[in-house]
Amino acid sequence: MAELIRGKTGRVYGDLLALLTTLKGLPLAYNKDLQEDKESVFDALETVHQCLRVLTPMVHTMRVRADRMLQAAQTGFLNATDLADYLVRKGLPFRSAYKLSGELVAECLRRGCVLETLPLEVYQTYSPLFGEDLYGEIRLENCVEKRISEGGTSARSVDGQIAYVREQLRKGSERK
């Protein structure tokens, strides 16, 4: 179901693009062009409504497998940027750190491992800047918690986003 819903995103984006294209060509006052905006708006609303009707029970009944999520995140090398940032903090220019991170990801792929399990001795053959503190910096849980900006992945940021959405829903239900 999630894949089908993700596929519907293209349709809703298409509706948005059609609406924006219609509005872009308008001069300063009302024009008959606006007769064409309804189809896109109503289609987008209906599509989103149908997706939410399917998504809501799916979310309520799903079982989260944190171990599988962690494994998928590790094999995606999401912490390669944090590895580059680590090297930058040690004094390496970003362009060099970025290149070195890519080489280390390639090394992991050759060895069939992930950045967190690559031995420190291997890291140190690439650069003497790597130290014991490396693993704490690239641990996925720590990488997630470092993203504290609005919309970030830290628990505090996510809690803030959830509180914001709940408040918007509460306000919306009060208006009815």
C-alpha atoms as a PDB file:
ATOM      1  CA  MET A   1       0.000   0.000   0.000  1.00  0.00           C
ATOM      2  CA  ALA A   2       2.796   2.428   0.858  1.00  0.00           C
ATOM      3  CA  GLU A   3       4.306   1.991  -2.595  1.00  0.00           C
ATOM      4  CA  LEU A   4       0.963   2.707  -4.252  1.00  0.00           C
ATOM      5  CA  ILE A   5       0.535   5.807  -2.136  1.00  0.00           C
ATOM      6  CA  ARG A   6       4.048   6.916  -3.016  1.00  0.00           C
ATOM      7  CA  GLY A   7       3.116   6.436  -6.671  1.00  0.00           C
ATOM      8  CA  LYS A   8       0.126   8.746  -6.242  1.00  0.00           C
ATOM      9  CA  THR A   9       2.540  11.520  -5.334  1.00  0.00           C
ATOM     10  CA  GLY A  10       3.268  11.995  -9.039  1.00  0.00           C
ATOM     11  CA  ARG A  11      -0.398  12.551  -9.730  1.00  0.00           C
ATOM     12  CA  VAL A  12      -0.735  15.149  -6.979  1.00  0.00           C
ATOM     13  CA  TYR A  13       2.472  16.869  -8.135  1.00  0.00           C
ATOM     14  CA  GLY A  14       0.990  16.927 -11.633  1.00  0.00           C
ATOM     15  CA  ASP A  15      -2.161  18.586 -10.297  1.00  0.00           C
ATOM     16  CA  LEU A  16      -0.026  21.154  -8.500  1.00  0.00           C
ATOM     17  CA  LEU A  17       2.014  21.870 -11.617  1.00  0.00           C
ATOM     18  CA  ALA A  18      -1.143  22.273 -13.698  1.00  0.00           C
ATOM     19  CA  LEU A  19      -2.563  24.715 -11.152  1.00  0.00           C
ATOM     20  CA  LEU A  20       0.665  26.697 -10.917  1.00  0.00           C
ATOM     21  CA  THR A  21       0.930  26.881 -14.705  1.00  0.00           C
ATOM     22  CA  THR A  22      -2.604  28.226 -14.946  1.00  0.00           C
ATOM     23  CA  LEU A  23      -1.957  30.819 -12.247  1.00  0.00           C
ATOM     24  CA  LYS A  24       1.409  31.888 -13.673  1.00  0.00           C
ATOM     25  CA  GLY A  25      -0.113  33.224 -16.848  1.00  0.00           C
ATOM     26  CA  LEU A  26      -2.766  35.342 -15.167  1.00  0.00           C
ATOM     27  CA  PRO A  27      -2.630  39.126 -15.369  1.00  0.00           C
ATOM     28  CA  LEU A  28      -3.747  41.214 -12.395  1.00  0.00           C
ATOM     29  CA  ALA A  29      -7.474  40.499 -12.461  1.00  0.00           C
ATOM     30  CA  TYR A  30      -9.849  37.551 -12.780  1.00  0.00           C
ATOM     31  CA  ASN A  31      -9.723  35.670 -16.035  1.00  0.00           C
ATOM     32  CA  LYS A  32     -11.666  32.793 -17.467  1.00  0.00           C
ATOM     33  CA  ASP A  33      -8.467  30.744 -17.215  1.00  0.00           C
ATOM     34  CA  LEU A  34      -9.402  30.128 -13.581  1.00  0.00           C
ATOM     35  CA  GLN A  35     -12.189  27.845 -14.719  1.00  0.00           C
ATOM     36  CA  GLU A  36      -9.385  25.343 -15.240  1.00  0.00           C
ATOM     37  CA  ASP A  37      -8.159  25.354 -11.657  1.00  0.00           C
ATOM     38  CA  LYS A  38     -11.019  23.327 -10.156  1.00  0.00           C
ATOM     39  CA  GLU A  39     -10.220  20.025 -11.824  1.00  0.00           C
ATOM     40  CA  SER A  40      -6.649  19.993 -10.492  1.00  0.00           C
ATOM     41  CA  VAL A  41      -7.618  21.058  -6.987  1.00  0.00           C
ATOM     42  CA  PHE A  42     -10.460  18.570  -6.638  1.00  0.00           C
ATOM     43  CA  ASP A  43      -8.411  15.731  -8.123  1.00  0.00           C
ATOM     44  CA  ALA A  44      -5.543  16.428  -5.722  1.00  0.00           C
ATOM     45  CA  LEU A  45      -7.875  16.615  -2.719  1.00  0.00           C
ATOM     46  CA  GLU A  46      -9.663  13.397  -3.667  1.00  0.00           C
ATOM     47  CA  THR A  47      -6.384  11.588  -4.284  1.00  0.00           C
ATOM     48  CA  VAL A  48      -4.908  12.682  -0.947  1.00  0.00           C
ATOM     49  CA  HIS A  49      -8.154  11.782   0.838  1.00  0.00           C
ATOM     50  CA  GLN A  50      -8.135   8.272  -0.668  1.00  0.00           C
ATOM     51  CA  CYS A  51      -4.476   7.819   0.240  1.00  0.00           C
ATOM     52  CA  LEU A  52      -5.132   8.837   3.839  1.00  0.00           C
ATOM     53  CA  ARG A  53      -8.062   6.390   4.050  1.00  0.00           C
ATOM     54  CA  VAL A  54      -5.658   3.595   3.115  1.00  0.00           C
ATOM     55  CA  LEU A  55      -2.643   4.859   5.032  1.00  0.00           C
ATOM     56  CA  THR A  56      -4.338   5.398   8.390  1.00  0.00           C
ATOM     57  CA  PRO A  57      -5.271   1.743   9.057  1.00  0.00           C
ATOM     58  CA  MET A  58      -1.914   0.635   7.669  1.00  0.00           C
ATOM     59  CA  VAL A  59      -0.044   2.788  10.192  1.00  0.00           C
ATOM     60  CA  HIS A  60      -2.288   1.632  13.044  1.00  0.00           C
ATOM     61  CA  THR A  61      -1.624  -2.047  12.303  1.00  0.00           C
ATOM     62  CA  MET A  62       2.002  -1.972  11.195  1.00  0.00           C
ATOM     63  CA  ARG A  63       4.754  -3.529  13.230  1.00  0.00           C
ATOM     64  CA  VAL A  64       7.970  -1.522  13.385  1.00  0.00           C
ATOM     65  CA  ARG A  65      11.116  -3.635  13.105  1.00  0.00           C
ATOM     66  CA  ALA A  66      13.785  -1.318  14.509  1.00  0.00           C
ATOM     67  CA  ASP A  67      16.509  -3.901  13.862  1.00  0.00           C
ATOM     68  CA  ARG A  68      15.629  -4.088  10.155  1.00  0.00           C
ATOM     69  CA  MET A  69      15.401  -0.302   9.927  1.00  0.00           C
ATOM     70  CA  LEU A  70      18.860   0.061  11.470  1.00  0.00           C
ATOM     71  CA  GLN A  71      20.295  -2.552   9.121  1.00  0.00           C
ATOM     72  CA  ALA A  72      18.787  -0.817   6.074  1.00  0.00           C
ATOM     73  CA  ALA A  73      20.098   2.555   7.240  1.00  0.00           C
ATOM     74  CA  GLN A  74      23.592   1.153   7.773  1.00  0.00           C
ATOM     75  CA  THR A  75      23.795  -0.467   4.347  1.00  0.00           C
ATOM     76  CA  GLY A  76      22.672   2.826   2.821  1.00  0.00           C
ATOM     77  CA  PHE A  77      25.790   4.538   4.225  1.00  0.00           C
ATOM     78  CA  LEU A  78      23.692   7.435   5.517  1.00  0.00           C
ATOM     79  CA  ASN A  79      26.509   8.336   7.881  1.00  0.00           C
ATOM     80  CA  ALA A  80      29.076   8.951   5.106  1.00  0.00           C
ATOM     81  CA  THR A  81      28.420  12.691   5.424  1.00  0.00           C
ATOM     82  CA  ASP A  82      29.086  12.484   9.150  1.00  0.00           C
ATOM     83  CA  LEU A  83      32.334  10.706   8.327  1.00  0.00           C
ATOM     84  CA  ALA A  84      33.319  13.611   6.071  1.00  0.00           C
ATOM     85  CA  ASP A  85      32.278  16.116   8.749  1.00  0.00           C
ATOM     86  CA  TYR A  86      34.471  14.243  11.253  1.00  0.00           C
ATOM     87  CA  LEU A  87      37.473  14.685   8.964  1.00  0.00           C
ATOM     88  CA  VAL A  88      36.665  18.371   8.434  1.00  0.00           C
ATOM     89  CA  ARG A  89      36.644  18.916  12.212  1.00  0.00           C
ATOM     90  CA  LYS A  90      40.097  17.302  12.251  1.00  0.00           C
ATOM     91  CA  GLY A  91      41.319  19.910   9.748  1.00  0.00           C
ATOM     92  CA  LEU A  92      40.887  18.223   6.351  1.00  0.00           C
ATOM     93  CA  PRO A  93      39.290  20.397   3.638  1.00  0.00           C
ATOM     94  CA  PHE A  94      35.742  19.291   2.842  1.00  0.00           C
ATOM     95  CA  ARG A  95      36.450  18.362  -0.796  1.00  0.00           C
ATOM     96  CA  SER A  96      39.200  15.995   0.395  1.00  0.00           C
ATOM     97  CA  ALA A  97      37.067  14.652   3.234  1.00  0.00           C
ATOM     98  CA  TYR A  98      34.189  14.024   0.832  1.00  0.00           C
ATOM     99  CA  LYS A  99      36.480  12.125  -1.562  1.00  0.00           C
ATOM    100  CA  LEU A 100      37.972  10.083   1.266  1.00  0.00           C
ATOM    101  CA  SER A 101      34.496   9.207   2.582  1.00  0.00           C
ATOM    102  CA  GLY A 102      33.565   7.909  -0.856  1.00  0.00           C
ATOM    103  CA  GLU A 103      36.707   5.782  -0.969  1.00  0.00           C
ATOM    104  CA  LEU A 104      35.874   4.322   2.447  1.00  0.00           C
ATOM    105  CA  VAL A 105      32.317   3.523   1.361  1.00  0.00           C
ATOM    106  CA  ALA A 106      33.805   1.706  -1.666  1.00  0.00           C
ATOM    107  CA  GLU A 107      36.144  -0.156   0.697  1.00  0.00           C
ATOM    108  CA  CYS A 108      33.172  -1.233   2.813  1.00  0.00           C
ATOM    109  CA  LEU A 109      31.348  -2.462  -0.282  1.00  0.00           C
ATOM    110  CA  ARG A 110      34.401  -4.514  -1.297  1.00  0.00           C
ATOM    111  CA  ARG A 111      34.654  -6.008   2.193  1.00  0.00           C
ATOM    112  CA  GLY A 112      30.911  -6.508   2.670  1.00  0.00           C
ATOM    113  CA  CYS A 113      30.750  -4.378   5.796  1.00  0.00           C
ATOM    114  CA  VAL A 114      29.468  -0.958   6.882  1.00  0.00           C
ATOM    115  CA  LEU A 115      31.302   2.131   8.118  1.00  0.00           C
ATOM    116  CA  GLU A 116      30.587   1.263  11.764  1.00  0.00           C
ATOM    117  CA  THR A 117      32.248  -2.149  11.460  1.00  0.00           C
ATOM    118  CA  LEU A 118      35.235  -1.235   9.305  1.00  0.00           C
ATOM    119  CA  PRO A 119      38.295  -1.714  11.554  1.00  0.00           C
ATOM    120  CA  LEU A 120      40.091   1.393  12.781  1.00  0.00           C
ATOM    121  CA  GLU A 121      43.349   0.056  11.319  1.00  0.00           C
ATOM    122  CA  VAL A 122      41.768   0.192   7.854  1.00  0.00           C
ATOM    123  CA  TYR A 123      40.583   3.765   8.437  1.00  0.00           C
ATOM    124  CA  GLN A 124      44.083   4.737   9.520  1.00  0.00           C
ATOM    125  CA  THR A 125      45.587   3.379   6.279  1.00  0.00           C
ATOM    126  CA  TYR A 126      43.506   6.046   4.528  1.00  0.00           C
ATOM    127  CA  SER A 127      44.325   8.871   6.930  1.00  0.00           C
ATOM    128  CA  PRO A 128      46.123   9.327  10.251  1.00  0.00           C
ATOM    129  CA  LEU A 129      43.324  11.701  11.302  1.00  0.00           C
ATOM    130  CA  PHE A 130      41.107   8.769  12.287  1.00  0.00           C
ATOM    131  CA  GLY A 131      41.078   8.037  16.003  1.00  0.00           C
ATOM    132  CA  GLU A 132      39.133   6.050  18.577  1.00  0.00           C
ATOM    133  CA  ASP A 133      36.516   8.806  18.688  1.00  0.00           C
ATOM    134  CA  LEU A 134      35.466   7.989  15.109  1.00  0.00           C
ATOM    135  CA  TYR A 135      32.916   5.300  15.937  1.00  0.00           C
ATOM    136  CA  GLY A 136      30.948   7.554  18.274  1.00  0.00           C
ATOM    137  CA  GLU A 137      30.759  10.177  15.516  1.00  0.00           C
ATOM    138  CA  ILE A 138      29.471   7.807  12.818  1.00  0.00           C
ATOM    139  CA  ARG A 139      27.146   5.709  14.981  1.00  0.00           C
ATOM    140  CA  LEU A 140      23.780   6.091  13.262  1.00  0.00           C
ATOM    141  CA  GLU A 141      21.885   6.854  16.440  1.00  0.00           C
ATOM    142  CA  ASN A 142      24.272   9.741  17.132  1.00  0.00           C
ATOM    143  CA  CYS A 143      24.054  10.948  13.526  1.00  0.00           C
ATOM    144  CA  VAL A 144      20.277  11.113  13.828  1.00  0.00           C
ATOM    145  CA  GLU A 145      20.408  12.993  17.129  1.00  0.00           C
ATOM    146  CA  LYS A 146      22.821  15.604  15.717  1.00  0.00           C
ATOM    147  CA  ARG A 147      20.128  16.844  13.299  1.00  0.00           C
ATOM    148  CA  ILE A 148      18.437  19.333  15.626  1.00  0.00           C
ATOM    149  CA  SER A 149      17.204  21.962  13.167  1.00  0.00           C
ATOM    150  CA  GLU A 150      13.525  22.403  12.371  1.00  0.00           C
ATOM    151  CA  GLY A 151      12.476  19.324  10.408  1.00  0.00           C
ATOM    152  CA  GLY A 152      15.545  17.440  11.643  1.00  0.00           C
ATOM    153  CA  THR A 153      15.729  13.813  12.699  1.00  0.00           C
ATOM    154  CA  SER A 154      16.621  14.200  16.381  1.00  0.00           C
ATOM    155  CA  ALA A 155      14.059  12.967  18.871  1.00  0.00           C
ATOM    156  CA  ARG A 156      13.553  16.551  20.059  1.00  0.00           C
ATOM    157  CA  SER A 157      12.943  17.792  16.506  1.00  0.00           C
ATOM    158  CA  VAL A 158      10.567  14.951  15.696  1.00  0.00           C
ATOM    159  CA  ASP A 159       8.657  15.519  18.945  1.00  0.00           C
ATOM    160  CA  GLY A 160       8.347  19.185  17.964  1.00  0.00           C
ATOM    161  CA  GLN A 161       7.034  18.258  14.529  1.00  0.00           C
ATOM    162  CA  ILE A 162       4.486  15.873  16.035  1.00  0.00           C
ATOM    163  CA  ALA A 163       3.344  18.545  18.504  1.00  0.00           C
ATOM    164  CA  TYR A 164       2.978  21.031  15.650  1.00  0.00           C
ATOM    165  CA  VAL A 165       0.860  18.658  13.552  1.00  0.00           C
ATOM    166  CA  ARG A 166      -1.303  17.755  16.546  1.00  0.00           C
ATOM    167  CA  GLU A 167      -1.882  21.449  17.209  1.00  0.00           C
ATOM    168  CA  GLN A 168      -2.841  22.044  13.584  1.00  0.00           C
ATOM    169  CA  LEU A 169      -5.259  19.118  13.696  1.00  0.00           C
ATOM    170  CA  ARG A 170      -6.757  20.413  16.948  1.00  0.00           C
ATOM    171  CA  LYS A 171      -7.224  23.873  15.434  1.00  0.00           C
ATOM    172  CA  GLY A 172      -8.770  22.335  12.329  1.00  0.00           C
ATOM    173  CA  SER A 173     -11.279  20.317  14.354  1.00  0.00           C
ATOM    174  CA  GLU A 174     -12.249  23.399  16.397  1.00  0.00           C
ATOM    175  CA  ARG A 175     -13.176  25.275  13.211  1.00  0.00           C
ATOM    176  CA  LYS A 176     -15.691  22.649  12.175  1.00  0.00           C
END
